[in-house]
PDB file of N, CA and C in Angstrom:
ATOM      1  N   MET A   1       0.839  -1.177   0.000  1.00  0.00           N
ATOM      2  CA  MET A   1       0.000   0.000   0.000  1.00  0.00           C
ATOM      3  C   MET A   1       0.882   1.236   0.000  1.00  0.00           C
ATOM      4  N   ARG A   2       0.542   2.196  -0.819  1.00  0.00           N
ATOM      5  CA  ARG A   2       1.321   3.421  -0.900  1.00  0.00           C
ATOM      6  C   ARG A   2       0.524   4.569  -0.306  1.00  0.00           C
ATOM      7  N   PHE A   3       1.215   5.453   0.395  1.00  0.00           N
ATOM      8  CA  PHE A   3       0.599   6.633   0.955  1.00  0.00           C
ATOM      9  C   PHE A   3       1.040   7.835   0.131  1.00  0.00           C
ATOM     10  N   ALA A   4       0.125   8.702  -0.154  1.00  0.00           N
ATOM     11  CA  ALA A   4       0.421   9.857  -0.991  1.00  0.00           C
ATOM     12  C   ALA A   4       1.489  10.734  -0.345  1.00  0.00           C
ATOM     13  N   GLY A   5       2.536  11.010  -1.075  1.00  0.00           N
ATOM     14  CA  GLY A   5       3.563  11.927  -0.629  1.00  0.00           C
ATOM     15  C   GLY A   5       4.549  11.382   0.388  1.00  0.00           C
ATOM     16  N   VAL A   6       4.459  10.118   0.735  1.00  0.00           N
ATOM     17  CA  VAL A   6       5.379   9.562   1.722  1.00  0.00           C
ATOM     18  C   VAL A   6       6.382   8.675   1.008  1.00  0.00           C
ATOM     19  N   LYS A   7       7.652   9.018   1.150  1.00  0.00           N
ATOM     20  CA  LYS A   7       8.708   8.303   0.441  1.00  0.00           C
ATOM     21  C   LYS A   7       9.147   7.027   1.155  1.00  0.00           C
ATOM     22  N   VAL A   8       8.865   6.918   2.445  1.00  0.00           N
ATOM     23  CA  VAL A   8       9.405   5.815   3.231  1.00  0.00           C
ATOM     24  C   VAL A   8       8.718   4.484   2.971  1.00  0.00           C
ATOM     25  N   THR A   9       7.672   4.451   2.159  1.00  0.00           N
ATOM     26  CA  THR A   9       6.931   3.218   1.952  1.00  0.00           C
ATOM     27  C   THR A   9       7.440   2.391   0.777  1.00  0.00           C
ATOM     28  N   ASP A  10       8.425   2.875   0.076  1.00  0.00           N
ATOM     29  CA  ASP A  10       8.911   2.154  -1.093  1.00  0.00           C
ATOM     30  C   ASP A  10      10.087   1.260  -0.693  1.00  0.00           C
ATOM     31  N   PRO A  11       9.859  -0.053  -0.517  1.00  0.00           N
ATOM     32  CA  PRO A  11      10.945  -0.914  -0.063  1.00  0.00           C
ATOM     33  C   PRO A  11      12.005  -1.171  -1.124  1.00  0.00           C
ATOM     34  N   SER A  12      11.700  -0.874  -2.376  1.00  0.00           N
ATOM     35  CA  SER A  12      12.657  -1.199  -3.431  1.00  0.00           C
ATOM     36  C   SER A  12      13.879  -0.287  -3.414  1.00  0.00           C
ATOM     37  N   ASP A  13      13.767   0.899  -2.820  1.00  0.00           N
ATOM     38  CA  ASP A  13      14.919   1.794  -2.839  1.00  0.00           C
ATOM     39  C   ASP A  13      15.940   1.456  -1.749  1.00  0.00           C
ATOM     40  N   ARG A  14      15.543   0.651  -0.747  1.00  0.00           N
ATOM     41  CA  ARG A  14      16.433   0.191   0.318  1.00  0.00           C
ATOM     42  C   ARG A  14      17.215   1.336   0.948  1.00  0.00           C
ATOM     43  N   LYS A  15      16.526   2.431   1.187  1.00  0.00           N
ATOM     44  CA  LYS A  15      17.155   3.591   1.785  1.00  0.00           C
ATOM     45  C   LYS A  15      16.361   4.002   3.010  1.00  0.00           C
ATOM     46  N   ILE A  16      17.044   4.401   4.056  1.00  0.00           N
ATOM     47  CA  ILE A  16      16.376   4.955   5.223  1.00  0.00           C
ATOM     48  C   ILE A  16      16.268   6.452   4.993  1.00  0.00           C
ATOM     49  N   TRP A  17      15.053   6.952   4.982  1.00  0.00           N
ATOM     50  CA  TRP A  17      14.819   8.352   4.690  1.00  0.00           C
ATOM     51  C   TRP A  17      14.852   9.167   5.972  1.00  0.00           C
ATOM     52  N   ALA A  18      15.585  10.263   5.957  1.00  0.00           N
ATOM     53  CA  ALA A  18      15.633  11.177   7.093  1.00  0.00           C
ATOM     54  C   ALA A  18      14.348  11.993   7.128  1.00  0.00           C
ATOM     55  N   GLY A  19      14.034  12.524   8.295  1.00  0.00           N
ATOM     56  CA  GLY A  19      12.822  13.327   8.435  1.00  0.00           C
ATOM     57  C   GLY A  19      12.807  14.526   7.518  1.00  0.00           C
ATOM     58  N   THR A  20      13.962  15.119   7.274  1.00  0.00           N
ATOM     59  CA  THR A  20      14.025  16.295   6.407  1.00  0.00           C
ATOM     60  C   THR A  20      13.699  15.947   4.964  1.00  0.00           C
ATOM     61  N   GLU A  21      13.940  14.706   4.573  1.00  0.00           N
ATOM     62  CA  GLU A  21      13.626  14.279   3.208  1.00  0.00           C
ATOM     63  C   GLU A  21      12.163  13.895   3.066  1.00  0.00           C
ATOM     64  N   VAL A  22      11.585  13.347   4.132  1.00  0.00           N
ATOM     65  CA  VAL A  22      10.202  12.894   4.088  1.00  0.00           C
ATOM     66  C   VAL A  22       9.235  14.060   4.211  1.00  0.00           C
ATOM     67  N   GLU A  23       9.498  14.948   5.155  1.00  0.00           N
ATOM     68  CA  GLU A  23       8.622  16.082   5.408  1.00  0.00           C
ATOM     69  C   GLU A  23       9.427  17.384   5.459  1.00  0.00           C
ATOM     70  N   PRO A  24       9.949  17.820   4.337  1.00  0.00           N
ATOM     71  CA  PRO A  24      10.808  19.010   4.355  1.00  0.00           C
ATOM     72  C   PRO A  24      10.073  20.274   4.803  1.00  0.00           C
ATOM     73  N   GLU A  25       8.750  20.289   4.662  1.00  0.00           N
ATOM     74  CA  GLU A  25       7.985  21.477   5.054  1.00  0.00           C
ATOM     75  C   GLU A  25       7.927  21.648   6.578  1.00  0.00           C
ATOM     76  N   ARG A  26       8.336  20.641   7.324  1.00  0.00           N
ATOM     77  CA  ARG A  26       8.315  20.713   8.795  1.00  0.00           C
ATOM     78  C   ARG A  26       9.680  21.093   9.363  1.00  0.00           C
ATOM     79  N   TYR A  27      10.605  21.513   8.476  1.00  0.00           N
ATOM     80  CA  TYR A  27      11.943  21.922   8.889  1.00  0.00           C
ATOM     81  C   TYR A  27      12.271  23.282   8.315  1.00  0.00           C
ATOM     82  N   TYR A  28      13.085  24.041   9.060  1.00  0.00           N
ATOM     83  CA  TYR A  28      13.582  25.314   8.555  1.00  0.00           C
ATOM     84  C   TYR A  28      14.659  25.026   7.517  1.00  0.00           C
ATOM     85  N   ASP A  29      14.939  26.006   6.658  1.00  0.00           N
ATOM     86  CA  ASP A  29      16.018  25.856   5.685  1.00  0.00           C
ATOM     87  C   ASP A  29      17.340  25.694   6.429  1.00  0.00           C
ATOM     88  N   ALA A  30      18.296  25.075   5.761  1.00  0.00           N
ATOM     89  CA  ALA A  30      19.588  24.807   6.385  1.00  0.00           C
ATOM     90  C   ALA A  30      20.242  26.103   6.839  1.00  0.00           C
ATOM     91  N   ASP A  31      20.855  26.051   8.022  1.00  0.00           N
ATOM     92  CA  ASP A  31      21.540  27.227   8.549  1.00  0.00           C
ATOM     93  C   ASP A  31      22.962  27.300   7.990  1.00  0.00           C
ATOM     94  N   SER A  32      23.776  28.173   8.543  1.00  0.00           N
ATOM     95  CA  SER A  32      25.141  28.360   8.032  1.00  0.00           C
ATOM     96  C   SER A  32      26.001  27.111   8.190  1.00  0.00           C
ATOM     97  N   GLU A  33      25.605  26.218   9.112  1.00  0.00           N
ATOM     98  CA  GLU A  33      26.351  24.975   9.318  1.00  0.00           C
ATOM     99  C   GLU A  33      25.790  23.839   8.480  1.00  0.00           C
ATOM    100  N   GLY A  34      24.747  24.110   7.712  1.00  0.00           N
ATOM    101  CA  GLY A  34      24.147  23.093   6.864  1.00  0.00           C
ATOM    102  C   GLY A  34      23.153  22.192   7.588  1.00  0.00           C
ATOM    103  N   VAL A  35      22.711  22.609   8.763  1.00  0.00           N
ATOM    104  CA  VAL A  35      21.796  21.802   9.570  1.00  0.00           C
ATOM    105  C   VAL A  35      20.367  22.320   9.402  1.00  0.00           C
ATOM    106  N   MET A  36      19.452  21.400   9.111  1.00  0.00           N
ATOM    107  CA  MET A  36      18.035  21.766   9.023  1.00  0.00           C
ATOM    108  C   MET A  36      17.396  21.458  10.374  1.00  0.00           C
ATOM    109  N   ARG A  37      16.853  22.475  11.010  1.00  0.00           N
ATOM    110  CA  ARG A  37      16.275  22.307  12.340  1.00  0.00           C
ATOM    111  C   ARG A  37      14.759  22.193  12.239  1.00  0.00           C
ATOM    112  N   ALA A  38      14.175  21.405  13.158  1.00  0.00           N
ATOM    113  CA  ALA A  38      12.732  21.178  13.175  1.00  0.00           C
ATOM    114  C   ALA A  38      11.993  22.463  13.518  1.00  0.00           C
ATOM    115  N   LYS A  39      10.863  22.668  12.857  1.00  0.00           N
ATOM    116  CA  LYS A  39      10.007  23.804  13.192  1.00  0.00           C
ATOM    117  C   LYS A  39       9.284  23.513  14.502  1.00  0.00           C
ATOM    118  N   ASP A  40       8.728  24.569  15.082  1.00  0.00           N
ATOM    119  CA  ASP A  40       8.070  24.436  16.380  1.00  0.00           C
ATOM    120  C   ASP A  40       6.930  23.422  16.348  1.00  0.00           C
ATOM    121  N   GLU A  41       6.203  23.353  15.253  1.00  0.00           N
ATOM    122  CA  GLU A  41       5.090  22.402  15.138  1.00  0.00           C
ATOM    123  C   GLU A  41       5.592  20.961  15.260  1.00  0.00           C
ATOM    124  N   LEU A  42       6.659  20.631  14.585  1.00  0.00           N
ATOM    125  CA  LEU A  42       7.229  19.280  14.659  1.00  0.00           C
ATOM    126  C   LEU A  42       7.769  19.000  16.053  1.00  0.00           C
ATOM    127  N   ARG A  43       8.423  19.986  16.653  1.00  0.00           N
ATOM    128  CA  ARG A  43       8.944  19.799  18.005  1.00  0.00           C
ATOM    129  C   ARG A  43       7.807  19.550  18.991  1.00  0.00           C
ATOM    130  N   GLN A  44       6.700  20.291  18.847  1.00  0.00           N
ATOM    131  CA  GLN A  44       5.568  20.097  19.742  1.00  0.00           C
ATOM    132  C   GLN A  44       4.917  18.737  19.516  1.00  0.00           C
ATOM    133  N   ASP A  45       4.764  18.339  18.254  1.00  0.00           N
ATOM    134  CA  ASP A  45       4.199  17.022  17.961  1.00  0.00           C
ATOM    135  C   ASP A  45       5.056  15.906  18.563  1.00  0.00           C
ATOM    136  N   THR A  46       6.365  16.054  18.470  1.00  0.00           N
ATOM    137  CA  THR A  46       7.278  15.062  19.034  1.00  0.00           C
ATOM    138  C   THR A  46       7.163  15.041  20.546  1.00  0.00           C
ATOM    139  N   TRP A  47       7.105  16.211  21.161  1.00  0.00           N
ATOM    140  CA  TRP A  47       6.959  16.307  22.616  1.00  0.00           C
ATOM    141  C   TRP A  47       5.652  15.648  23.060  1.00  0.00           C
ATOM    142  N   ASP A  48       4.570  15.944  22.357  1.00  0.00           N
ATOM    143  CA  ASP A  48       3.269  15.376  22.706  1.00  0.00           C
ATOM    144  C   ASP A  48       3.280  13.850  22.588  1.00  0.00           C
ATOM    145  N   ALA A  49       3.924  13.338  21.551  1.00  0.00           N
ATOM    146  CA  ALA A  49       3.979  11.890  21.348  1.00  0.00           C
ATOM    147  C   ALA A  49       4.804  11.210  22.441  1.00  0.00           C
ATOM    148  N   MET A  50       5.833  11.885  22.917  1.00  0.00           N
ATOM    149  CA  MET A  50       6.695  11.289  23.930  1.00  0.00           C
ATOM    150  C   MET A  50       6.139  11.435  25.343  1.00  0.00           C
ATOM    151  N   ASN A  51       5.249  12.388  25.562  1.00  0.00           N
ATOM    152  CA  ASN A  51       4.755  12.666  26.905  1.00  0.00           C
ATOM    153  C   ASN A  51       3.259  12.440  27.025  1.00  0.00           C
ATOM    154  N   ILE A  52       2.774  11.394  26.412  1.00  0.00           N
ATOM    155  CA  ILE A  52       1.356  11.083  26.483  1.00  0.00           C
ATOM    156  C   ILE A  52       1.057  10.428  27.826  1.00  0.00           C
ATOM    157  N   ASP A  53      -0.070  10.759  28.397  1.00  0.00           N
ATOM    158  CA  ASP A  53      -0.496  10.184  29.667  1.00  0.00           C
ATOM    159  C   ASP A  53      -0.790   8.699  29.463  1.00  0.00           C
ATOM    160  N   GLU A  54      -0.201   7.855  30.293  1.00  0.00           N
ATOM    161  CA  GLU A  54      -0.349   6.407  30.121  1.00  0.00           C
ATOM    162  C   GLU A  54      -1.806   5.965  30.269  1.00  0.00           C
ATOM    163  N   GLU A  55      -2.523   6.582  31.197  1.00  0.00           N
ATOM    164  CA  GLU A  55      -3.921   6.210  31.380  1.00  0.00           C
ATOM    165  C   GLU A  55      -4.760   6.626  30.180  1.00  0.00           C
ATOM    166  N   GLU A  56      -4.482   7.810  29.644  1.00  0.00           N
ATOM    167  CA  GLU A  56      -5.218   8.259  28.459  1.00  0.00           C
ATOM    168  C   GLU A  56      -4.878   7.384  27.267  1.00  0.00           C
ATOM    169  N   GLU A  57      -3.626   6.971  27.157  1.00  0.00           N
ATOM    170  CA  GLU A  57      -3.217   6.083  26.075  1.00  0.00           C
ATOM    171  C   GLU A  57      -3.952   4.747  26.177  1.00  0.00           C
ATOM    172  N   ALA A  58      -4.098   4.236  27.399  1.00  0.00           N
ATOM    173  CA  ALA A  58      -4.814   2.977  27.608  1.00  0.00           C
ATOM    174  C   ALA A  58      -6.288   3.133  27.257  1.00  0.00           C
ATOM    175  N   ARG A  59      -6.883   4.271  27.645  1.00  0.00           N
ATOM    176  CA  ARG A  59      -8.292   4.511  27.291  1.00  0.00           C
ATOM    177  C   ARG A  59      -8.471   4.596  25.778  1.00  0.00           C
ATOM    178  N   GLU A  60      -7.540   5.270  25.108  1.00  0.00           N
ATOM    179  CA  GLU A  60      -7.619   5.402  23.650  1.00  0.00           C
ATOM    180  C   GLU A  60      -7.489   4.046  22.975  1.00  0.00           C
ATOM    181  N   LEU A  61      -6.581   3.215  23.461  1.00  0.00           N
ATOM    182  CA  LEU A  61      -6.418   1.867  22.911  1.00  0.00           C
ATOM    183  C   LEU A  61      -7.696   1.061  23.108  1.00  0.00           C
ATOM    184  N   LYS A  62      -8.295   1.201  24.270  1.00  0.00           N
ATOM    185  CA  LYS A  62      -9.531   0.468  24.534  1.00  0.00           C
ATOM    186  C   LYS A  62     -10.652   0.940  23.608  1.00  0.00           C
ATOM    187  N   ARG A  63     -10.707   2.255  23.361  1.00  0.00           N
ATOM    188  CA  ARG A  63     -11.718   2.781  22.431  1.00  0.00           C
ATOM    189  C   ARG A  63     -11.527   2.210  21.028  1.00  0.00           C
ATOM    190  N   LYS A  64     -10.285   2.086  20.615  1.00  0.00           N
ATOM    191  CA  LYS A  64     -10.006   1.604  19.265  1.00  0.00           C
ATOM    192  C   LYS A  64     -10.234   0.105  19.113  1.00  0.00           C
ATOM    193  N   THR A  65      -9.993  -0.657  20.171  1.00  0.00           N
ATOM    194  CA  THR A  65     -10.019  -2.111  20.041  1.00  0.00           C
ATOM    195  C   THR A  65     -11.180  -2.777  20.771  1.00  0.00           C
ATOM    196  N   ARG A  66     -12.104  -1.980  21.283  1.00  0.00           N
ATOM    197  CA  ARG A  66     -13.185  -2.592  22.052  1.00  0.00           C
ATOM    198  C   ARG A  66     -14.087  -3.444  21.184  1.00  0.00           C
ATOM    199  N   ARG A  67     -14.680  -4.406  21.814  1.00  0.00           N
ATOM    200  CA  ARG A  67     -15.564  -5.335  21.124  1.00  0.00           C
ATOM    201  C   ARG A  67     -16.954  -4.721  21.048  1.00  0.00           C
ATOM    202  N   THR A  68     -17.578  -4.763  19.882  1.00  0.00           N
ATOM    203  CA  THR A  68     -18.907  -4.173  19.724  1.00  0.00           C
ATOM    204  C   THR A  68     -19.973  -5.220  19.433  1.00  0.00           C
ATOM    205  N   THR A  69     -19.560  -6.484  19.295  1.00  0.00           N
ATOM    206  CA  THR A  69     -20.517  -7.562  19.055  1.00  0.00           C
ATOM    207  C   THR A  69     -20.341  -8.632  20.124  1.00  0.00           C
ATOM    208  N   PRO A  70     -21.398  -9.364  20.453  1.00  0.00           N
ATOM    209  CA  PRO A  70     -21.270 -10.418  21.453  1.00  0.00           C
ATOM    210  C   PRO A  70     -20.350 -11.539  20.955  1.00  0.00           C
ATOM    211  N   MET A  71     -19.785 -12.273  21.917  1.00  0.00           N
ATOM    212  CA  MET A  71     -18.928 -13.407  21.565  1.00  0.00           C
ATOM    213  C   MET A  71     -19.775 -14.519  20.948  1.00  0.00           C
ATOM    214  N   THR A  72     -19.191 -15.208  20.000  1.00  0.00           N
ATOM    215  CA  THR A  72     -19.869 -16.356  19.399  1.00  0.00           C
ATOM    216  C   THR A  72     -19.721 -17.557  20.331  1.00  0.00           C
ATOM    217  N   PRO A  73     -20.554 -18.576  20.167  1.00  0.00           N
ATOM    218  CA  PRO A  73     -20.421 -19.763  21.018  1.00  0.00           C
ATOM    219  C   PRO A  73     -19.033 -20.405  20.952  1.00  0.00           C
ATOM    220  N   SER A  74     -18.416 -20.396  19.786  1.00  0.00           N
ATOM    221  CA  SER A  74     -17.075 -20.987  19.685  1.00  0.00           C
ATOM    222  C   SER A  74     -16.045 -20.138  20.428  1.00  0.00           C
ATOM    223  N   GLU A  75     -16.190 -18.816  20.412  1.00  0.00           N
ATOM    224  CA  GLU A  75     -15.285 -17.949  21.161  1.00  0.00           C
ATOM    225  C   GLU A  75     -15.467 -18.146  22.665  1.00  0.00           C
ATOM    226  N   ILE A  76     -16.710 -18.313  23.093  1.00  0.00           N
ATOM    227  CA  ILE A  76     -16.986 -18.568  24.508  1.00  0.00           C
ATOM    228  C   ILE A  76     -16.346 -19.885  24.933  1.00  0.00           C
ATOM    229  N   ALA A  77     -16.498 -20.917  24.119  1.00  0.00           N
ATOM    230  CA  ALA A  77     -15.907 -22.220  24.430  1.00  0.00           C
ATOM    231  C   ALA A  77     -14.386 -22.124  24.498  1.00  0.00           C
ATOM    232  N   ALA A  78     -13.790 -21.394  23.578  1.00  0.00           N
ATOM    233  CA  ALA A  78     -12.331 -21.243  23.576  1.00  0.00           C
ATOM    234  C   ALA A  78     -11.864 -20.502  24.826  1.00  0.00           C
ATOM    235  N   ALA A  79     -12.587 -19.468  25.235  1.00  0.00           N
ATOM    236  CA  ALA A  79     -12.228 -18.718  26.432  1.00  0.00           C
ATOM    237  C   ALA A  79     -12.361 -19.589  27.685  1.00  0.00           C
ATOM    238  N   GLU A  80     -13.427 -20.362  27.753  1.00  0.00           N
ATOM    239  CA  GLU A  80     -13.602 -21.259  28.899  1.00  0.00           C
ATOM    240  C   GLU A  80     -12.496 -22.309  28.946  1.00  0.00           C
ATOM    241  N   ASN A  81     -12.147 -22.859  27.805  1.00  0.00           N
ATOM    242  CA  ASN A  81     -11.079 -23.846  27.732  1.00  0.00           C
ATOM    243  C   ASN A  81      -9.746 -23.238  28.175  1.00  0.00           C
ATOM    244  N   TYR A  82      -9.457 -22.025  27.755  1.00  0.00           N
ATOM    245  CA  TYR A  82      -8.228 -21.331  28.151  1.00  0.00           C
ATOM    246  C   TYR A  82      -8.216 -21.133  29.665  1.00  0.00           C
ATOM    247  N   GLY A  83      -9.353 -20.746  30.211  1.00  0.00           N
ATOM    248  CA  GLY A  83      -9.440 -20.555  31.651  1.00  0.00           C
ATOM    249  C   GLY A  83      -9.186 -21.833  32.421  1.00  0.00           C
ATOM    250  N   LYS A  84      -9.741 -22.921  31.928  1.00  0.00           N
ATOM    251  CA  LYS A  84      -9.590 -24.205  32.624  1.00  0.00           C
ATOM    252  C   LYS A  84      -8.190 -24.782  32.475  1.00  0.00           C
ATOM    253  N   THR A  85      -7.614 -24.685  31.285  1.00  0.00           N
ATOM    254  CA  THR A  85      -6.332 -25.351  31.026  1.00  0.00           C
ATOM    255  C   THR A  85      -5.110 -24.490  31.326  1.00  0.00           C
ATOM    256  N   VAL A  86      -5.249 -23.176  31.244  1.00  0.00           N
ATOM    257  CA  VAL A  86      -4.087 -22.301  31.436  1.00  0.00           C
ATOM    258  C   VAL A  86      -4.188 -21.503  32.738  1.00  0.00           C
ATOM    259  N   LEU A  87      -5.278 -20.781  32.907  1.00  0.00           N
ATOM    260  CA  LEU A  87      -5.383 -19.899  34.060  1.00  0.00           C
ATOM    261  C   LEU A  87      -5.613 -20.645  35.378  1.00  0.00           C
ATOM    262  N   ARG A  88      -6.510 -21.605  35.376  1.00  0.00           N
ATOM    263  CA  ARG A  88      -6.826 -22.317  36.621  1.00  0.00           C
ATOM    264  C   ARG A  88      -5.590 -22.970  37.238  1.00  0.00           C
ATOM    265  N   PRO A  89      -4.736 -23.668  36.489  1.00  0.00           N
ATOM    266  CA  PRO A  89      -3.531 -24.247  37.112  1.00  0.00           C
ATOM    267  C   PRO A  89      -2.602 -23.184  37.713  1.00  0.00           C
ATOM    268  N   VAL A  90      -2.504 -22.042  37.081  1.00  0.00           N
ATOM    269  CA  VAL A  90      -1.648 -20.974  37.613  1.00  0.00           C
ATOM    270  C   VAL A  90      -2.233 -20.434  38.910  1.00  0.00           C
ATOM    271  N   ILE A  91      -3.534 -20.250  38.941  1.00  0.00           N
ATOM    272  CA  ILE A  91      -4.192 -19.762  40.158  1.00  0.00           C
ATOM    273  C   ILE A  91      -4.027 -20.766  41.295  1.00  0.00           C
ATOM    274  N   GLU A  92      -4.253 -22.036  40.995  1.00  0.00           N
ATOM    275  CA  GLU A  92      -4.113 -23.054  42.027  1.00  0.00           C
ATOM    276  C   GLU A  92      -2.671 -23.157  42.528  1.00  0.00           C
ATOM    277  N   ALA A  93      -1.709 -23.031  41.640  1.00  0.00           N
ATOM    278  CA  ALA A  93      -0.295 -23.065  42.045  1.00  0.00           C
ATOM    279  C   ALA A  93       0.033 -21.863  42.923  1.00  0.00           C
ATOM    280  N   GLY A  94      -0.556 -20.741  42.621  1.00  0.00           N
ATOM    281  CA  GLY A  94      -0.338 -19.555  43.432  1.00  0.00           C
ATOM    282  C   GLY A  94      -0.918 -19.694  44.826  1.00  0.00           C
ATOM    283  N   LYS A  95      -2.047 -20.374  44.951  1.00  0.00           N
ATOM    284  CA  LYS A  95      -2.663 -20.586  46.261  1.00  0.00           C
ATOM    285  C   LYS A  95      -1.812 -21.510  47.127  1.00  0.00           C
ATOM    286  N   ARG A  96      -1.137 -22.463  46.484  1.00  0.00           N
ATOM    287  CA  ARG A  96      -0.320 -23.428  47.212  1.00  0.00           C
ATOM    288  C   ARG A  96       1.077 -22.893  47.552  1.00  0.00           C
ATOM    289  N   ALA A  97       1.473 -21.811  46.910  1.00  0.00           N
ATOM    290  CA  ALA A  97       2.810 -21.268  47.137  1.00  0.00           C
ATOM    291  C   ALA A  97       2.919 -20.716  48.564  1.00  0.00           C
ATOM    292  N   PRO A  98       4.082 -20.853  49.183  1.00  0.00           N
ATOM    293  CA  PRO A  98       4.266 -20.373  50.584  1.00  0.00           C
ATOM    294  C   PRO A  98       4.239 -18.879  50.692  1.00  0.00           C
TER     295      PRO A  98
END
């Protein structure tokens, strides 16, 4: 699948693309040392991505992956089997532990 305007999705070029090559509009022009520095918008986006609240992240994940239909009988049977064969022995072993 290709995304419009994104160079990093082409595996045939076997090149790792730098951020300045992928999104040049999010960087200032090169300074006297030849360094392209991130614009404030990119810096803020990076800061926000790195400092996300763990609880909010968990809530967002739950919103995205929550189940909206009831379990089928085969899914119920599989869950019960997992509980009996995997979880129950662990619980019982934990009760017996000193």
